[in-house]
């Protein structure tokens, strides 16, 4: 019996629906929000690409530097002091 009363009672006093102005306003607001989010995502993609390129260049440079240091260390490790100690024994 309670469910019949609850079903007959309307949820809103004015159950005619939304007006055209309200629908257009909500669509406009939704479009503005979606354009803003799209612009932020597009900008973020560009920044991510630049960071990825910089990281790749840094990794390549680090690899080249380490190879050069290793080559130089191998050449220098053959040098010995008069007391028969390696010059670069701390590595």
PDB file of N, CA and C in Angstrom:
ATOM      1  N   UNK A   1       0.821  -1.185   0.000  1.00  0.00           N
ATOM      2  CA  UNK A   1       0.000   0.000   0.000  1.00  0.00           C
ATOM      3  C   UNK A   1       0.869   1.254   0.000  1.00  0.00           C
ATOM      4  N   UNK A   2       1.962   1.213   0.737  1.00  0.00           N
ATOM      5  CA  UNK A   2       2.868   2.358   0.733  1.00  0.00           C
ATOM      6  C   UNK A   2       3.518   2.547  -0.629  1.00  0.00           C
ATOM      7  N   UNK A   3       3.831   1.469  -1.286  1.00  0.00           N
ATOM      8  CA  UNK A   3       4.489   1.596  -2.582  1.00  0.00           C
ATOM      9  C   UNK A   3       3.555   2.218  -3.611  1.00  0.00           C
ATOM     10  N   UNK A   4       2.268   1.953  -3.506  1.00  0.00           N
ATOM     11  CA  UNK A   4       1.325   2.568  -4.447  1.00  0.00           C
ATOM     12  C   UNK A   4       1.261   4.067  -4.235  1.00  0.00           C
ATOM     13  N   UNK A   5       1.291   4.499  -2.985  1.00  0.00           N
ATOM     14  CA  UNK A   5       1.248   5.926  -2.690  1.00  0.00           C
ATOM     15  C   UNK A   5       2.551   6.594  -3.157  1.00  0.00           C
ATOM     16  N   UNK A   6       3.668   5.932  -2.909  1.00  0.00           N
ATOM     17  CA  UNK A   6       4.956   6.486  -3.307  1.00  0.00           C
ATOM     18  C   UNK A   6       5.075   6.555  -4.825  1.00  0.00           C
ATOM     19  N   UNK A   7       4.497   5.604  -5.535  1.00  0.00           N
ATOM     20  CA  UNK A   7       4.578   5.613  -6.990  1.00  0.00           C
ATOM     21  C   UNK A   7       3.685   6.687  -7.590  1.00  0.00           C
ATOM     22  N   UNK A   8       2.578   6.983  -6.974  1.00  0.00           N
ATOM     23  CA  UNK A   8       1.651   7.984  -7.502  1.00  0.00           C
ATOM     24  C   UNK A   8       2.151   9.401  -7.240  1.00  0.00           C
ATOM     25  N   UNK A   9       2.910   9.576  -6.172  1.00  0.00           N
ATOM     26  CA  UNK A   9       3.402  10.904  -5.828  1.00  0.00           C
ATOM     27  C   UNK A   9       4.539  11.281  -6.775  1.00  0.00           C
ATOM     28  N   UNK A  10       4.472  12.399  -7.474  1.00  0.00           N
ATOM     29  CA  UNK A  10       5.544  12.779  -8.396  1.00  0.00           C
ATOM     30  C   UNK A  10       6.804  13.179  -7.629  1.00  0.00           C
ATOM     31  N   UNK A  11       7.934  12.956  -8.258  1.00  0.00           N
ATOM     32  CA  UNK A  11       9.219  13.260  -7.646  1.00  0.00           C
ATOM     33  C   UNK A  11       9.429  14.767  -7.532  1.00  0.00           C
ATOM     34  N   UNK A  12       9.053  15.501  -8.553  1.00  0.00           N
ATOM     35  CA  UNK A  12       9.153  16.949  -8.560  1.00  0.00           C
ATOM     36  C   UNK A  12       7.753  17.541  -8.626  1.00  0.00           C
ATOM     37  N   UNK A  13       7.618  18.742  -8.112  1.00  0.00           N
ATOM     38  CA  UNK A  13       6.307  19.401  -8.189  1.00  0.00           C
ATOM     39  C   UNK A  13       5.964  19.732  -9.632  1.00  0.00           C
ATOM     40  N   UNK A  14       6.960  20.231 -10.364  1.00  0.00           N
ATOM     41  CA  UNK A  14       6.749  20.563 -11.762  1.00  0.00           C
ATOM     42  C   UNK A  14       7.389  19.459 -12.598  1.00  0.00           C
ATOM     43  N   UNK A  15       6.649  18.494 -13.040  1.00  0.00           N
ATOM     44  CA  UNK A  15       7.193  17.346 -13.761  1.00  0.00           C
ATOM     45  C   UNK A  15       7.056  17.512 -15.275  1.00  0.00           C
ATOM     46  N   UNK A  16       7.075  18.746 -15.754  1.00  0.00           N
ATOM     47  CA  UNK A  16       6.928  18.978 -17.188  1.00  0.00           C
ATOM     48  C   UNK A  16       8.239  18.745 -17.925  1.00  0.00           C
ATOM     49  N   UNK A  17       9.384  18.727 -17.269  1.00  0.00           N
ATOM     50  CA  UNK A  17      10.660  18.509 -17.925  1.00  0.00           C
ATOM     51  C   UNK A  17      11.493  19.776 -17.954  1.00  0.00           C
ATOM     52  N   UNK A  18      12.521  19.743 -18.777  1.00  0.00           N
ATOM     53  CA  UNK A  18      13.428  20.883 -18.883  1.00  0.00           C
ATOM     54  C   UNK A  18      12.991  21.788 -20.030  1.00  0.00           C
ATOM     55  N   UNK A  19      13.305  23.065 -19.881  1.00  0.00           N
ATOM     56  CA  UNK A  19      13.004  23.993 -20.963  1.00  0.00           C
ATOM     57  C   UNK A  19      14.140  23.959 -21.982  1.00  0.00           C
ATOM     58  N   UNK A  20      13.891  24.513 -23.135  1.00  0.00           N
ATOM     59  CA  UNK A  20      14.896  24.544 -24.187  1.00  0.00           C
ATOM     60  C   UNK A  20      16.117  25.364 -23.769  1.00  0.00           C
ATOM     61  N   UNK A  21      15.900  26.429 -23.036  1.00  0.00           N
ATOM     62  CA  UNK A  21      17.005  27.268 -22.562  1.00  0.00           C
ATOM     63  C   UNK A  21      17.893  26.480 -21.602  1.00  0.00           C
ATOM     64  N   UNK A  22      17.309  25.713 -20.719  1.00  0.00           N
ATOM     65  CA  UNK A  22      18.087  24.910 -19.778  1.00  0.00           C
ATOM     66  C   UNK A  22      18.909  23.844 -20.501  1.00  0.00           C
ATOM     67  N   UNK A  23      18.328  23.220 -21.490  1.00  0.00           N
ATOM     68  CA  UNK A  23      19.051  22.197 -22.252  1.00  0.00           C
ATOM     69  C   UNK A  23      20.209  22.826 -23.026  1.00  0.00           C
ATOM     70  N   UNK A  24      19.949  23.961 -23.672  1.00  0.00           N
ATOM     71  CA  UNK A  24      21.014  24.639 -24.420  1.00  0.00           C
ATOM     72  C   UNK A  24      22.127  25.126 -23.492  1.00  0.00           C
ATOM     73  N   UNK A  25      21.769  25.633 -22.331  1.00  0.00           N
ATOM     74  CA  UNK A  25      22.780  26.088 -21.374  1.00  0.00           C
ATOM     75  C   UNK A  25      23.639  24.927 -20.900  1.00  0.00           C
ATOM     76  N   UNK A  26      23.020  23.798 -20.619  1.00  0.00           N
ATOM     77  CA  UNK A  26      23.803  22.645 -20.151  1.00  0.00           C
ATOM     78  C   UNK A  26      24.702  22.105 -21.263  1.00  0.00           C
ATOM     79  N   UNK A  27      24.238  22.104 -22.505  1.00  0.00           N
ATOM     80  CA  UNK A  27      25.070  21.658 -23.622  1.00  0.00           C
ATOM     81  C   UNK A  27      26.248  22.612 -23.824  1.00  0.00           C
ATOM     82  N   UNK A  28      26.009  23.906 -23.686  1.00  0.00           N
ATOM     83  CA  UNK A  28      27.081  24.894 -23.827  1.00  0.00           C
ATOM     84  C   UNK A  28      28.140  24.722 -22.747  1.00  0.00           C
ATOM     85  N   UNK A  29      27.704  24.539 -21.529  1.00  0.00           N
ATOM     86  CA  UNK A  29      28.648  24.342 -20.423  1.00  0.00           C
ATOM     87  C   UNK A  29      29.444  23.058 -20.637  1.00  0.00           C
ATOM     88  N   UNK A  30      28.768  22.000 -21.054  1.00  0.00           N
ATOM     89  CA  UNK A  30      29.447  20.733 -21.315  1.00  0.00           C
ATOM     90  C   UNK A  30      30.474  20.883 -22.438  1.00  0.00           C
ATOM     91  N   UNK A  31      30.132  21.614 -23.485  1.00  0.00           N
ATOM     92  CA  UNK A  31      31.061  21.828 -24.597  1.00  0.00           C
ATOM     93  C   UNK A  31      32.289  22.617 -24.149  1.00  0.00           C
ATOM     94  N   UNK A  32      32.093  23.633 -23.334  1.00  0.00           N
ATOM     95  CA  UNK A  32      33.220  24.426 -22.838  1.00  0.00           C
ATOM     96  C   UNK A  32      34.151  23.570 -21.985  1.00  0.00           C
ATOM     97  N   UNK A  33      33.581  22.753 -21.129  1.00  0.00           N
ATOM     98  CA  UNK A  33      34.389  21.872 -20.278  1.00  0.00           C
ATOM     99  C   UNK A  33      35.157  20.867 -21.135  1.00  0.00           C
ATOM    100  N   UNK A  34      34.505  20.291 -22.130  1.00  0.00           N
ATOM    101  CA  UNK A  34      35.175  19.302 -22.980  1.00  0.00           C
ATOM    102  C   UNK A  34      36.283  19.935 -23.814  1.00  0.00           C
ATOM    103  N   UNK A  35      36.078  21.148 -24.313  1.00  0.00           N
ATOM    104  CA  UNK A  35      37.124  21.835 -25.062  1.00  0.00           C
ATOM    105  C   UNK A  35      38.322  22.161 -24.180  1.00  0.00           C
ATOM    106  N   UNK A  36      38.064  22.545 -22.955  1.00  0.00           N
ATOM    107  CA  UNK A  36      39.148  22.844 -22.017  1.00  0.00           C
ATOM    108  C   UNK A  36      39.964  21.592 -21.713  1.00  0.00           C
ATOM    109  N   UNK A  37      39.284  20.504 -21.445  1.00  0.00           N
ATOM    110  CA  UNK A  37      39.975  19.247 -21.157  1.00  0.00           C
ATOM    111  C   UNK A  37      40.762  18.787 -22.383  1.00  0.00           C
ATOM    112  N   UNK A  38      40.182  18.915 -23.566  1.00  0.00           N
ATOM    113  CA  UNK A  38      40.889  18.535 -24.788  1.00  0.00           C
ATOM    114  C   UNK A  38      42.134  19.363 -25.020  1.00  0.00           C
ATOM    115  N   UNK A  39      42.048  20.659 -24.760  1.00  0.00           N
ATOM    116  CA  UNK A  39      43.218  21.525 -24.921  1.00  0.00           C
ATOM    117  C   UNK A  39      44.315  21.160 -23.925  1.00  0.00           C
ATOM    118  N   UNK A  40      43.937  20.852 -22.707  1.00  0.00           N
ATOM    119  CA  UNK A  40      44.919  20.455 -21.691  1.00  0.00           C
ATOM    120  C   UNK A  40      45.600  19.144 -22.095  1.00  0.00           C
ATOM    121  N   UNK A  41      44.816  18.185 -22.576  1.00  0.00           N
ATOM    122  CA  UNK A  41      45.392  16.902 -22.986  1.00  0.00           C
ATOM    123  C   UNK A  41      46.314  17.061 -24.193  1.00  0.00           C
ATOM    124  N   UNK A  42      45.946  17.909 -25.142  1.00  0.00           N
ATOM    125  CA  UNK A  42      46.797  18.138 -26.308  1.00  0.00           C
ATOM    126  C   UNK A  42      48.110  18.793 -25.905  1.00  0.00           C
ATOM    127  N   UNK A  43      48.047  19.745 -25.000  1.00  0.00           N
ATOM    128  CA  UNK A  43      49.258  20.404 -24.514  1.00  0.00           C
ATOM    129  C   UNK A  43      50.130  19.406 -23.748  1.00  0.00           C
ATOM    130  N   UNK A  44      49.508  18.562 -22.962  1.00  0.00           N
ATOM    131  CA  UNK A  44      50.230  17.562 -22.190  1.00  0.00           C
ATOM    132  C   UNK A  44      50.938  16.573 -23.113  1.00  0.00           C
ATOM    133  N   UNK A  45      50.313  16.225 -24.218  1.00  0.00           N
ATOM    134  CA  UNK A  45      50.951  15.304 -25.167  1.00  0.00           C
ATOM    135  C   UNK A  45      52.208  15.926 -25.761  1.00  0.00           C
ATOM    136  N   UNK A  46      52.170  17.214 -26.063  1.00  0.00           N
ATOM    137  CA  UNK A  46      53.349  17.894 -26.597  1.00  0.00           C
ATOM    138  C   UNK A  46      54.485  17.961 -25.593  1.00  0.00           C
ATOM    139  N   UNK A  47      54.144  18.253 -24.353  1.00  0.00           N
ATOM    140  CA  UNK A  47      55.162  18.329 -23.296  1.00  0.00           C
ATOM    141  C   UNK A  47      55.767  16.942 -23.057  1.00  0.00           C
ATOM    142  N   UNK A  48      54.938  15.917 -23.088  1.00  0.00           N
ATOM    143  CA  UNK A  48      55.428  14.556 -22.889  1.00  0.00           C
ATOM    144  C   UNK A  48      56.381  14.145 -24.007  1.00  0.00           C
ATOM    145  N   UNK A  49      56.070  14.516 -25.226  1.00  0.00           N
ATOM    146  CA  UNK A  49      56.940  14.197 -26.365  1.00  0.00           C
ATOM    147  C   UNK A  49      58.293  14.876 -26.215  1.00  0.00           C
ATOM    148  N   UNK A  50      58.290  16.150 -25.821  1.00  0.00           N
ATOM    149  CA  UNK A  50      59.550  16.867 -25.628  1.00  0.00           C
ATOM    150  C   UNK A  50      60.377  16.230 -24.509  1.00  0.00           C
ATOM    151  N   UNK A  51      59.715  15.863 -23.422  1.00  0.00           N
ATOM    152  CA  UNK A  51      60.424  15.241 -22.302  1.00  0.00           C
ATOM    153  C   UNK A  51      60.992  13.883 -22.704  1.00  0.00           C
ATOM    154  N   UNK A  52      60.251  13.146 -23.505  1.00  0.00           N
ATOM    155  CA  UNK A  52      60.722  11.842 -23.961  1.00  0.00           C
ATOM    156  C   UNK A  52      61.948  11.997 -24.858  1.00  0.00           C
ATOM    157  N   UNK A  53      61.910  12.980 -25.742  1.00  0.00           N
ATOM    158  CA  UNK A  53      63.071  13.231 -26.605  1.00  0.00           C
ATOM    159  C   UNK A  53      64.292  13.657 -25.788  1.00  0.00           C
ATOM    160  N   UNK A  54      64.081  14.514 -24.801  1.00  0.00           N
ATOM    161  CA  UNK A  54      65.192  14.956 -23.949  1.00  0.00           C
ATOM    162  C   UNK A  54      65.770  13.797 -23.152  1.00  0.00           C
ATOM    163  N   UNK A  55      64.900  12.930 -22.654  1.00  0.00           N
ATOM    164  CA  UNK A  55      65.364  11.780 -21.886  1.00  0.00           C
ATOM    165  C   UNK A  55      66.163  10.828 -22.760  1.00  0.00           C
ATOM    166  N   UNK A  56      65.707  10.610 -23.987  1.00  0.00           N
ATOM    167  CA  UNK A  56      66.450   9.738 -24.898  1.00  0.00           C
ATOM    168  C   UNK A  56      67.835  10.313 -25.189  1.00  0.00           C
ATOM    169  N   UNK A  57      67.901  11.616 -25.442  1.00  0.00           N
ATOM    170  CA  UNK A  57      69.189  12.255 -25.711  1.00  0.00           C
ATOM    171  C   UNK A  57      70.105  12.160 -24.494  1.00  0.00           C
ATOM    172  N   UNK A  58      69.548  12.335 -23.308  1.00  0.00           N
ATOM    173  CA  UNK A  58      70.345  12.249 -22.090  1.00  0.00           C
ATOM    174  C   UNK A  58      70.882  10.836 -21.874  1.00  0.00           C
ATOM    175  N   UNK A  59      70.066   9.826 -22.155  1.00  0.00           N
ATOM    176  CA  UNK A  59      70.516   8.446 -21.996  1.00  0.00           C
ATOM    177  C   UNK A  59      71.627   8.107 -22.988  1.00  0.00           C
ATOM    178  N   UNK A  60      71.494   8.582 -24.219  1.00  0.00           N
ATOM    179  CA  UNK A  60      72.542   8.341 -25.216  1.00  0.00           C
ATOM    180  C   UNK A  60      73.839   9.028 -24.792  1.00  0.00           C
ATOM    181  N   UNK A  61      73.743  10.278 -24.353  1.00  0.00           N
ATOM    182  CA  UNK A  61      74.937  11.018 -23.927  1.00  0.00           C
ATOM    183  C   UNK A  61      75.590  10.354 -22.718  1.00  0.00           C
ATOM    184  N   UNK A  62      74.782   9.875 -21.788  1.00  0.00           N
ATOM    185  CA  UNK A  62      75.327   9.197 -20.611  1.00  0.00           C
ATOM    186  C   UNK A  62      76.052   7.917 -21.003  1.00  0.00           C
ATOM    187  N   UNK A  63      75.474   7.167 -21.943  1.00  0.00           N
ATOM    188  CA  UNK A  63      76.125   5.948 -22.412  1.00  0.00           C
ATOM    189  C   UNK A  63      77.448   6.226 -23.087  1.00  0.00           C
ATOM    190  N   UNK A  64      77.488   7.273 -23.905  1.00  0.00           N
ATOM    191  CA  UNK A  64      78.737   7.643 -24.576  1.00  0.00           C
ATOM    192  C   UNK A  64      79.783   8.090 -23.548  1.00  0.00           C
ATOM    193  N   UNK A  65      79.360   8.879 -22.574  1.00  0.00           N
ATOM    194  CA  UNK A  65      80.284   9.347 -21.543  1.00  0.00           C
ATOM    195  C   UNK A  65      80.842   8.187 -20.725  1.00  0.00           C
ATOM    196  N   UNK A  66      79.978   7.247 -20.354  1.00  0.00           N
ATOM    197  CA  UNK A  66      80.458   6.096 -19.585  1.00  0.00           C
ATOM    198  C   UNK A  66      81.426   5.242 -20.392  1.00  0.00           C
ATOM    199  N   UNK A  67      81.148   5.067 -21.680  1.00  0.00           N
ATOM    200  CA  UNK A  67      82.061   4.299 -22.524  1.00  0.00           C
ATOM    201  C   UNK A  67      83.400   5.002 -22.629  1.00  0.00           C
ATOM    202  N   UNK A  68      83.381   6.311 -22.768  1.00  0.00           N
ATOM    203  CA  UNK A  68      84.627   7.082 -22.856  1.00  0.00           C
ATOM    204  C   UNK A  68      85.408   7.002 -21.549  1.00  0.00           C
ATOM    205  N   UNK A  69      84.679   7.130 -20.423  1.00  0.00           N
ATOM    206  CA  UNK A  69      85.351   7.055 -19.126  1.00  0.00           C
ATOM    207  C   UNK A  69      85.949   5.669 -18.901  1.00  0.00           C
ATOM    208  N   UNK A  70      85.237   4.647 -19.301  1.00  0.00           N
ATOM    209  CA  UNK A  70      85.743   3.291 -19.117  1.00  0.00           C
ATOM    210  C   UNK A  70      86.996   3.066 -19.974  1.00  0.00           C
ATOM    211  N   UNK A  71      86.960   3.574 -21.209  1.00  0.00           N
ATOM    212  CA  UNK A  71      88.109   3.446 -22.094  1.00  0.00           C
ATOM    213  C   UNK A  71      89.309   4.201 -21.526  1.00  0.00           C
ATOM    214  N   UNK A  72      89.090   5.405 -21.040  1.00  0.00           N
ATOM    215  CA  UNK A  72      90.159   6.208 -20.456  1.00  0.00           C
ATOM    216  C   UNK A  72      90.690   5.545 -19.191  1.00  0.00           C
ATOM    217  N   UNK A  73      89.811   4.999 -18.376  1.00  0.00           N
ATOM    218  CA  UNK A  73      90.230   4.335 -17.142  1.00  0.00           C
ATOM    219  C   UNK A  73      91.049   3.099 -17.452  1.00  0.00           C
ATOM    220  N   UNK A  74      90.656   2.361 -18.490  1.00  0.00           N
ATOM    221  CA  UNK A  74      91.419   1.163 -18.837  1.00  0.00           C
ATOM    222  C   UNK A  74      92.819   1.543 -19.322  1.00  0.00           C
ATOM    223  N   UNK A  75      92.917   2.646 -20.062  1.00  0.00           N
ATOM    224  CA  UNK A  75      94.248   3.097 -20.510  1.00  0.00           C
ATOM    225  C   UNK A  75      95.077   3.559 -19.320  1.00  0.00           C
ATOM    226  N   UNK A  76      94.477   4.302 -18.413  1.00  0.00           N
ATOM    227  CA  UNK A  76      95.207   4.884 -17.290  1.00  0.00           C
ATOM    228  C   UNK A  76      95.508   3.868 -16.202  1.00  0.00           C
ATOM    229  N   UNK A  77      94.762   2.787 -16.136  1.00  0.00           N
ATOM    230  CA  UNK A  77      94.986   1.828 -15.055  1.00  0.00           C
ATOM    231  C   UNK A  77      96.300   1.078 -15.245  1.00  0.00           C
ATOM    232  N   UNK A  78      96.882   1.175 -16.425  1.00  0.00           N
ATOM    233  CA  UNK A  78      98.160   0.516 -16.660  1.00  0.00           C
ATOM    234  C   UNK A  78      99.324   1.338 -16.108  1.00  0.00           C
ATOM    235  N   UNK A  79      99.051   2.596 -15.837  1.00  0.00           N
ATOM    236  CA  UNK A  79     100.106   3.447 -15.300  1.00  0.00           C
ATOM    237  C   UNK A  79     100.320   3.109 -13.829  1.00  0.00           C
ATOM    238  N   UNK A  80     101.538   3.044 -13.433  1.00  0.00           N
ATOM    239  CA  UNK A  80     101.835   2.721 -12.050  1.00  0.00           C
ATOM    240  C   UNK A  80     102.789   3.760 -11.474  1.00  0.00           C
ATOM    241  N   UNK A  81     102.706   3.913 -10.176  1.00  0.00           N
ATOM    242  CA  UNK A  81     103.607   4.841  -9.487  1.00  0.00           C
ATOM    243  C   UNK A  81     104.926   4.122  -9.216  1.00  0.00           C
ATOM    244  N   UNK A  82     105.902   4.846  -8.754  1.00  0.00           N
ATOM    245  CA  UNK A  82     107.180   4.182  -8.432  1.00  0.00           C
ATOM    246  C   UNK A  82     107.039   3.107  -7.346  1.00  0.00           C
ATOM    247  N   UNK A  83     106.017   3.195  -6.520  1.00  0.00           N
ATOM    248  CA  UNK A  83     105.823   2.203  -5.462  1.00  0.00           C
ATOM    249  C   UNK A  83     104.938   1.054  -5.933  1.00  0.00           C
ATOM    250  N   UNK A  84     104.743   0.950  -7.241  1.00  0.00           N
ATOM    251  CA  UNK A  84     103.978  -0.119  -7.860  1.00  0.00           C
ATOM    252  C   UNK A  84     102.502  -0.104  -7.448  1.00  0.00           C
ATOM    253  N   UNK A  85     101.951   1.090  -7.272  1.00  0.00           N
ATOM    254  CA  UNK A  85     100.522   1.218  -6.977  1.00  0.00           C
ATOM    255  C   UNK A  85      99.829   1.779  -8.205  1.00  0.00           C
ATOM    256  N   UNK A  86      98.616   1.404  -8.375  1.00  0.00           N
ATOM    257  CA  UNK A  86      97.841   1.963  -9.481  1.00  0.00           C
ATOM    258  C   UNK A  86      97.476   3.401  -9.175  1.00  0.00           C
ATOM    259  N   UNK A  87      97.492   4.230 -10.175  1.00  0.00           N
ATOM    260  CA  UNK A  87      97.133   5.624  -9.961  1.00  0.00           C
ATOM    261  C   UNK A  87      95.641   5.741  -9.648  1.00  0.00           C
ATOM    262  N   UNK A  88      94.837   5.025 -10.372  1.00  0.00           N
ATOM    263  CA  UNK A  88      93.382   5.120 -10.195  1.00  0.00           C
ATOM    264  C   UNK A  88      92.844   3.903  -9.435  1.00  0.00           C
ATOM    265  N   UNK A  89      93.420   3.593  -8.304  1.00  0.00           N
ATOM    266  CA  UNK A  89      92.974   2.426  -7.568  1.00  0.00           C
ATOM    267  C   UNK A  89      91.687   2.678  -6.776  1.00  0.00           C
ATOM    268  N   UNK A  90      91.227   3.895  -6.684  1.00  0.00           N
ATOM    269  CA  UNK A  90      89.998   4.171  -5.942  1.00  0.00           C
ATOM    270  C   UNK A  90      88.758   3.759  -6.724  1.00  0.00           C
ATOM    271  N   UNK A  91      88.884   3.491  -8.016  1.00  0.00           N
ATOM    272  CA  UNK A  91      87.743   3.062  -8.817  1.00  0.00           C
ATOM    273  C   UNK A  91      87.646   1.585  -8.697  1.00  0.00           C
TER     274      UNK A  91
END
